[in-house]
Protein backbone atom coordinates (compact mmCIF):
# COMPACT_ATOMS: atom_id res chain seq x y z
CA UNK A 1 121.42 181.34 9.33
CA UNK A 2 123.57 184.08 11.40
CA UNK A 3 125.18 182.99 14.51
CA UNK A 4 127.11 185.58 16.72
CA UNK A 5 129.80 183.74 18.79
CA UNK A 6 131.68 185.96 21.63
CA UNK A 7 134.18 184.13 23.46
CA UNK A 8 137.45 185.42 25.64
CA UNK A 9 140.50 184.24 23.35
CA UNK A 10 143.26 186.07 25.58
CA UNK A 11 143.85 186.97 29.29
CA UNK A 12 146.97 188.73 30.16
CA UNK A 13 148.45 189.95 33.47
CA UNK A 14 150.31 193.26 33.86
CA UNK A 15 153.05 193.68 36.64
CA UNK A 16 150.47 195.82 38.72
CA UNK A 17 147.75 192.94 38.90
CA UNK A 18 145.64 194.60 36.38
CA UNK A 19 144.12 191.63 34.05
CA UNK A 20 143.72 192.40 30.52
CA UNK A 21 140.88 190.49 28.50
CA UNK A 22 140.38 190.20 24.75
CA UNK A 23 137.16 188.85 23.45
CA UNK A 24 136.32 187.96 19.69
CA UNK A 25 133.03 188.06 18.36
CA UNK A 26 132.69 186.13 15.23
CA UNK A 27 129.49 186.37 12.98
CA UNK A 28 129.06 183.21 11.42
CA UNK A 29 126.65 182.64 8.33
CA UNK A 30 126.00 178.77 7.15
CA UNK A 31 129.24 177.83 8.44
CA UNK A 32 131.48 180.54 7.08
CA UNK A 33 132.79 183.40 9.14
CA UNK A 34 131.84 186.65 7.56
CA UNK A 35 133.28 189.04 10.14
CA UNK A 36 135.36 189.22 13.07
CA UNK A 37 136.13 191.70 15.79
CA UNK A 38 138.19 192.37 19.18
CA UNK A 39 137.20 194.17 22.53
CA UNK A 40 139.42 194.86 25.08
CA UNK A 41 138.80 195.59 28.51
CA UNK A 42 141.11 196.16 31.72
CA UNK A 43 139.99 194.47 35.48
CA UNK A 44 141.76 196.39 38.06
CA UNK A 45 142.72 194.10 41.47
CA UNK A 46 139.58 194.06 43.62
CA UNK A 47 137.03 194.93 40.71
CA UNK A 48 133.59 193.03 41.11
CA UNK A 49 134.15 189.92 38.37
CA UNK A 50 130.23 189.30 38.38
CA UNK A 51 129.96 189.42 34.74
CA UNK A 52 133.05 188.12 33.89
CA UNK A 53 133.58 184.67 32.11
CA UNK A 54 134.46 181.59 34.18
CA UNK A 55 138.14 181.43 33.12
CA UNK A 56 138.49 185.45 33.70
CA UNK A 57 137.28 185.06 36.97
CA UNK A 58 139.35 182.09 37.91
CA UNK A 59 142.40 184.14 36.80
CA UNK A 60 141.78 186.93 38.62
CA UNK A 61 140.99 184.87 41.86
CA UNK A 62 144.46 183.47 41.67
CA UNK A 63 146.06 186.69 41.00
CA UNK A 64 144.44 189.02 43.09
CA UNK A 65 145.86 188.08 46.75
CA UNK A 66 145.07 190.46 49.43
CA UNK A 67 148.71 191.56 49.10
CA UNK A 68 148.18 192.29 45.41
CA UNK A 69 144.87 194.36 45.79
CA UNK A 70 146.44 196.47 48.74
CA UNK A 71 149.82 197.14 46.60
CA UNK A 72 147.11 198.18 43.83
CA UNK A 73 145.33 200.36 46.14
CA UNK A 74 148.38 201.95 47.54
CA UNK A 75 149.94 202.74 44.11
CA UNK A 76 146.51 204.37 42.98
CA UNK A 77 146.79 206.58 46.60
CA UNK A 78 150.44 207.33 45.62
CA UNK A 79 151.58 205.48 48.78
CA UNK A 80 154.67 203.40 46.96
């Protein structure tokens, strides 16, 4: 029997408010891990979190204050 288990194993916040997420996917056969792979993604301040893990949403909601979102948007426009 094969089981595919995908979980978030790392959440990092960088200086400009971007949240980096690492997901690990394990393939388990009869209780033994036979494969492991990683996927990374970056979330920018103010981005929709609808399809993200609950822990990722909680971190982003705590970090992304209105000031952080405004500063990120200003930096993208070259206003800082």
